[in-house]
Every structure is written in structure tokens, then in C-alpha cells.
Amino acid sequence: MVGLTPYDYARKKVVYCWLDEPVSEAAKRMASENIGSLIVDDKGGKHVGMLTDVVLFTAISSCANICNMKVRDLSLEPLVSAPMKASIEEVMEKLDRTVSGRIALLDDDGEIAAVLKKKNLERFARFEVGEKLLRDKRQHL
């Protein structure tokens, strides 16, 4: 467990959708893949945001008829990114400065290699700190 990076805690399966895709199709993909977010690309293949379960819930709670909407009609989360080798502290700092609850981790070529949810990083970071405290205590016994 020692020395793990945010990438180690991230979902490696990166799934995409298009800006002009019907929301219903994107939501079906999220359900079938059992994931809470999709990277949204424009027609040119540029990453322009993230469609998340929170974005969908917000649209539904505002009584929007999402069945007739395209992904572009939703208020997408910004696409926040960091190198996949970044430390937990570096990733948390980026996440704390944005409204997004997820971050894309980039490989050395700048491609998205994984997606990490802030809540998961916080959970694992606490576990790692607790484990370190126990190791330190055992060494002093």
C-alpha cells in the first residue's frame, strides 16, 4: 500500500461520448458500463467536459426532459486533468480548486489513462494514512 499514487486508485476503463449524442444513449452507456462518468468529445475528438451522474441528476431534478436532449444541452462538469504520476496532494489540490468531483489522469503522451473520483481518493488517502500510523506504532513496540 505504501507509495501508491492516485492512478492506483483510479478507474482505468475510460469511456467516451459525443457532444451531439442523445443524453439517453450516453446514460445507457453509463449504466451498461457501471460507471458514473463519461469523457465528452466534440466532432473533432477534442475533450470538452465530463458527463457525470451528478450532471444527469441535476438535469432530472430540474424537470428537464432529458430524453429529447443532446449531451451538449447539459451543464457538463469541466474536464480537470493531472499527470498519472502526480501525488495525492497535487491531485487533491487541483480537485479542491474546481467544481468537478472527478479528475482525468494523463499518461506521458497526454492521453487520458484513467478517471478518479475525488470521494474515492479521499477514502483511500485516509486509509493509507491510517496504515502508516499503524506501521509506525508497530516499529516502536
C-alpha atoms as a PDB file:
ATOM      1  CA  MET A   1       0.000   0.000   0.000  1.00  0.00           C
ATOM      2  CA  VAL A   2       2.929   2.325   0.635  1.00  0.00           C
ATOM      3  CA  GLY A   3       3.789   4.723  -2.170  1.00  0.00           C
ATOM      4  CA  LEU A   4       0.574   4.381  -4.139  1.00  0.00           C
ATOM      5  CA  THR A   5      -0.418   7.210  -6.454  1.00  0.00           C
ATOM      6  CA  PRO A   6      -3.878   8.487  -7.381  1.00  0.00           C
ATOM      7  CA  TYR A   7      -3.577   6.450 -10.590  1.00  0.00           C
ATOM      8  CA  ASP A   8      -3.515   3.274  -8.498  1.00  0.00           C
ATOM      9  CA  TYR A   9      -6.970   4.160  -7.132  1.00  0.00           C
ATOM     10  CA  ALA A  10      -8.462   5.293 -10.451  1.00  0.00           C
ATOM     11  CA  ARG A  11     -10.801   3.581 -12.891  1.00  0.00           C
ATOM     12  CA  LYS A  12      -8.626   2.584 -15.852  1.00  0.00           C
ATOM     13  CA  LYS A  13     -11.532   1.982 -18.208  1.00  0.00           C
ATOM     14  CA  VAL A  14     -12.114   5.351 -19.862  1.00  0.00           C
ATOM     15  CA  VAL A  15     -15.428   5.645 -21.702  1.00  0.00           C
ATOM     16  CA  TYR A  16     -16.426   8.469 -24.051  1.00  0.00           C
ATOM     17  CA  CYS A  17     -19.491  10.086 -25.587  1.00  0.00           C
ATOM     18  CA  TRP A  18     -20.076  12.835 -28.155  1.00  0.00           C
ATOM     19  CA  LEU A  19     -21.475  16.333 -27.644  1.00  0.00           C
ATOM     20  CA  ASP A  20     -24.180  15.643 -30.230  1.00  0.00           C
ATOM     21  CA  GLU A  21     -25.121  12.261 -28.783  1.00  0.00           C
ATOM     22  CA  PRO A  22     -28.598  11.875 -27.254  1.00  0.00           C
ATOM     23  CA  VAL A  23     -28.456  12.022 -23.462  1.00  0.00           C
ATOM     24  CA  SER A  24     -30.473   8.801 -23.296  1.00  0.00           C
ATOM     25  CA  GLU A  25     -27.762   6.918 -25.234  1.00  0.00           C
ATOM     26  CA  ALA A  26     -24.972   8.316 -23.058  1.00  0.00           C
ATOM     27  CA  ALA A  27     -26.911   7.427 -19.883  1.00  0.00           C
ATOM     28  CA  LYS A  28     -27.472   3.882 -21.176  1.00  0.00           C
ATOM     29  CA  ARG A  29     -23.727   3.540 -21.761  1.00  0.00           C
ATOM     30  CA  MET A  30     -23.014   4.721 -18.216  1.00  0.00           C
ATOM     31  CA  ALA A  31     -25.439   2.134 -16.852  1.00  0.00           C
ATOM     32  CA  SER A  32     -24.197  -0.734 -19.021  1.00  0.00           C
ATOM     33  CA  GLU A  33     -20.550   0.046 -18.142  1.00  0.00           C
ATOM     34  CA  ASN A  34     -21.472   0.554 -14.458  1.00  0.00           C
ATOM     35  CA  ILE A  35     -19.660   3.904 -14.325  1.00  0.00           C
ATOM     36  CA  GLY A  36     -20.545   7.389 -13.112  1.00  0.00           C
ATOM     37  CA  SER A  37     -18.879   9.487 -15.796  1.00  0.00           C
ATOM     38  CA  LEU A  38     -18.088   9.779 -19.491  1.00  0.00           C
ATOM     39  CA  ILE A  39     -15.475  11.945 -21.164  1.00  0.00           C
ATOM     40  CA  VAL A  40     -17.282  14.174 -23.677  1.00  0.00           C
ATOM     41  CA  ASP A  41     -15.657  14.816 -27.069  1.00  0.00           C
ATOM     42  CA  ASP A  42     -16.620  17.255 -29.818  1.00  0.00           C
ATOM     43  CA  LYS A  43     -16.779  16.295 -33.505  1.00  0.00           C
ATOM     44  CA  GLY A  44     -13.029  16.860 -33.829  1.00  0.00           C
ATOM     45  CA  GLY A  45     -12.274  14.439 -31.000  1.00  0.00           C
ATOM     46  CA  LYS A  46     -11.280  17.200 -28.542  1.00  0.00           C
ATOM     47  CA  HIS A  47     -12.197  16.510 -24.907  1.00  0.00           C
ATOM     48  CA  VAL A  48     -14.626  19.244 -23.851  1.00  0.00           C
ATOM     49  CA  GLY A  49     -16.026  18.135 -20.496  1.00  0.00           C
ATOM     50  CA  MET A  50     -17.333  15.324 -18.402  1.00  0.00           C
ATOM     51  CA  LEU A  51     -20.856  13.927 -18.232  1.00  0.00           C
ATOM     52  CA  THR A  52     -21.386  12.633 -14.707  1.00  0.00           C
ATOM     53  CA  ASP A  53     -24.158  11.070 -12.710  1.00  0.00           C
ATOM     54  CA  VAL A  54     -24.417  14.379 -10.820  1.00  0.00           C
ATOM     55  CA  VAL A  55     -24.983  16.255 -14.107  1.00  0.00           C
ATOM     56  CA  LEU A  56     -27.780  13.833 -15.004  1.00  0.00           C
ATOM     57  CA  PHE A  57     -29.385  14.016 -11.543  1.00  0.00           C
ATOM     58  CA  THR A  58     -29.269  17.814 -11.641  1.00  0.00           C
ATOM     59  CA  ALA A  59     -30.990  17.878 -15.039  1.00  0.00           C
ATOM     60  CA  ILE A  60     -33.655  15.407 -13.903  1.00  0.00           C
ATOM     61  CA  SER A  61     -34.299  17.294 -10.651  1.00  0.00           C
ATOM     62  CA  SER A  62     -34.874  20.495 -12.634  1.00  0.00           C
ATOM     63  CA  CYS A  63     -37.601  18.638 -14.544  1.00  0.00           C
ATOM     64  CA  ALA A  64     -35.698  18.813 -17.819  1.00  0.00           C
ATOM     65  CA  ASN A  65     -36.941  16.409 -20.455  1.00  0.00           C
ATOM     66  CA  ILE A  66     -33.558  14.788 -20.950  1.00  0.00           C
ATOM     67  CA  CYS A  67     -34.977  12.193 -23.349  1.00  0.00           C
ATOM     68  CA  ASN A  68     -35.110  14.878 -26.045  1.00  0.00           C
ATOM     69  CA  MET A  69     -31.765  16.478 -25.197  1.00  0.00           C
ATOM     70  CA  LYS A  70     -28.267  16.110 -26.565  1.00  0.00           C
ATOM     71  CA  VAL A  71     -25.253  15.901 -24.273  1.00  0.00           C
ATOM     72  CA  ARG A  72     -24.318  19.447 -25.358  1.00  0.00           C
ATOM     73  CA  ASP A  73     -27.575  20.729 -23.773  1.00  0.00           C
ATOM     74  CA  LEU A  74     -26.470  19.734 -20.273  1.00  0.00           C
ATOM     75  CA  SER A  75     -24.232  21.700 -17.888  1.00  0.00           C
ATOM     76  CA  LEU A  76     -21.216  19.417 -18.131  1.00  0.00           C
ATOM     77  CA  GLU A  77     -18.516  19.282 -15.499  1.00  0.00           C
ATOM     78  CA  PRO A  78     -15.205  20.788 -16.606  1.00  0.00           C
ATOM     79  CA  LEU A  79     -12.525  18.311 -17.597  1.00  0.00           C
ATOM     80  CA  VAL A  80      -9.818  18.633 -14.964  1.00  0.00           C
ATOM     81  CA  SER A  81      -6.606  16.698 -15.525  1.00  0.00           C
ATOM     82  CA  ALA A  82      -3.300  15.848 -13.919  1.00  0.00           C
ATOM     83  CA  PRO A  83      -0.375  13.609 -14.838  1.00  0.00           C
ATOM     84  CA  MET A  84      -0.949   9.996 -13.835  1.00  0.00           C
ATOM     85  CA  LYS A  85       2.285  10.140 -11.803  1.00  0.00           C
ATOM     86  CA  ALA A  86       1.050  13.101  -9.729  1.00  0.00           C
ATOM     87  CA  SER A  87       0.984  12.789  -5.954  1.00  0.00           C
ATOM     88  CA  ILE A  88      -2.187  12.555  -3.903  1.00  0.00           C
ATOM     89  CA  GLU A  89      -1.550  16.094  -2.663  1.00  0.00           C
ATOM     90  CA  GLU A  90      -1.187  17.500  -6.193  1.00  0.00           C
ATOM     91  CA  VAL A  91      -4.397  15.837  -7.378  1.00  0.00           C
ATOM     92  CA  MET A  92      -6.372  16.900  -4.300  1.00  0.00           C
ATOM     93  CA  GLU A  93      -5.178  20.493  -4.747  1.00  0.00           C
ATOM     94  CA  LYS A  94      -6.477  20.506  -8.346  1.00  0.00           C
ATOM     95  CA  LEU A  95      -9.788  18.957  -7.303  1.00  0.00           C
ATOM     96  CA  ASP A  96     -10.213  21.455  -4.475  1.00  0.00           C
ATOM     97  CA  ARG A  97      -9.960  24.325  -6.984  1.00  0.00           C
ATOM     98  CA  THR A  98     -12.742  23.091  -9.262  1.00  0.00           C
ATOM     99  CA  VAL A  99     -16.416  22.210  -9.121  1.00  0.00           C
ATOM    100  CA  SER A 100     -15.713  18.829 -10.694  1.00  0.00           C
ATOM    101  CA  GLY A 101     -15.761  15.778  -8.482  1.00  0.00           C
ATOM    102  CA  ARG A 102     -13.542  13.808 -10.863  1.00  0.00           C
ATOM    103  CA  ILE A 103     -10.157  14.173 -12.490  1.00  0.00           C
ATOM    104  CA  ALA A 104      -8.694  12.666 -15.653  1.00  0.00           C
ATOM    105  CA  LEU A 105      -5.206  11.254 -15.205  1.00  0.00           C
ATOM    106  CA  LEU A 106      -2.980  11.656 -18.247  1.00  0.00           C
ATOM    107  CA  ASP A 107      -0.233   9.354 -19.481  1.00  0.00           C
ATOM    108  CA  ASP A 108       3.120  10.617 -20.749  1.00  0.00           C
ATOM    109  CA  ASP A 109       1.595  11.269 -24.201  1.00  0.00           C
ATOM    110  CA  GLY A 110      -1.175  13.451 -22.737  1.00  0.00           C
ATOM    111  CA  GLU A 111      -3.881  10.826 -23.329  1.00  0.00           C
ATOM    112  CA  ILE A 112      -6.470  10.058 -20.670  1.00  0.00           C
ATOM    113  CA  ALA A 113      -5.344   6.870 -18.932  1.00  0.00           C
ATOM    114  CA  ALA A 114      -7.821   6.821 -16.045  1.00  0.00           C
ATOM    115  CA  VAL A 115     -10.556   8.736 -14.242  1.00  0.00           C
ATOM    116  CA  LEU A 116     -10.524   9.263 -10.495  1.00  0.00           C
ATOM    117  CA  LYS A 117     -13.406  10.316  -8.281  1.00  0.00           C
ATOM    118  CA  LYS A 118     -12.485  12.756  -5.501  1.00  0.00           C
ATOM    119  CA  LYS A 119     -14.507  10.800  -2.951  1.00  0.00           C
ATOM    120  CA  ASN A 120     -12.523   7.634  -3.707  1.00  0.00           C
ATOM    121  CA  LEU A 121      -9.199   9.431  -3.443  1.00  0.00           C
ATOM    122  CA  GLU A 122     -10.176  10.900  -0.070  1.00  0.00           C
ATOM    123  CA  ARG A 123     -11.257   7.480   1.180  1.00  0.00           C
ATOM    124  CA  PHE A 124      -8.050   5.738   0.071  1.00  0.00           C
ATOM    125  CA  ALA A 125      -5.817   8.573   1.267  1.00  0.00           C
ATOM    126  CA  ARG A 126      -7.304   8.273   4.774  1.00  0.00           C
ATOM    127  CA  PHE A 127      -6.746   4.515   4.681  1.00  0.00           C
ATOM    128  CA  GLU A 128      -3.127   4.969   3.635  1.00  0.00           C
ATOM    129  CA  VAL A 129      -2.514   7.491   6.452  1.00  0.00           C
ATOM    130  CA  GLY A 130      -4.077   5.093   8.976  1.00  0.00           C
ATOM    131  CA  GLU A 131      -1.965   2.229   7.710  1.00  0.00           C
ATOM    132  CA  LYS A 132       1.197   4.340   8.019  1.00  0.00           C
ATOM    133  CA  LEU A 133       0.319   5.242  11.611  1.00  0.00           C
ATOM    134  CA  LEU A 134      -0.135   1.556  12.467  1.00  0.00           C
ATOM    135  CA  ARG A 135       3.210   0.657  10.842  1.00  0.00           C
ATOM    136  CA  ASP A 136       4.963   3.415  12.751  1.00  0.00           C
ATOM    137  CA  LYS A 137       3.367   2.268  16.025  1.00  0.00           C
ATOM    138  CA  ARG A 138       4.430  -1.356  15.420  1.00  0.00           C
ATOM    139  CA  GLN A 139       8.007  -0.246  14.796  1.00  0.00           C
ATOM    140  CA  HIS A 140       8.080   1.457  18.204  1.00  0.00           C
ATOM    141  CA  LEU A 141       6.765  -1.597  20.093  1.00  0.00           C
END
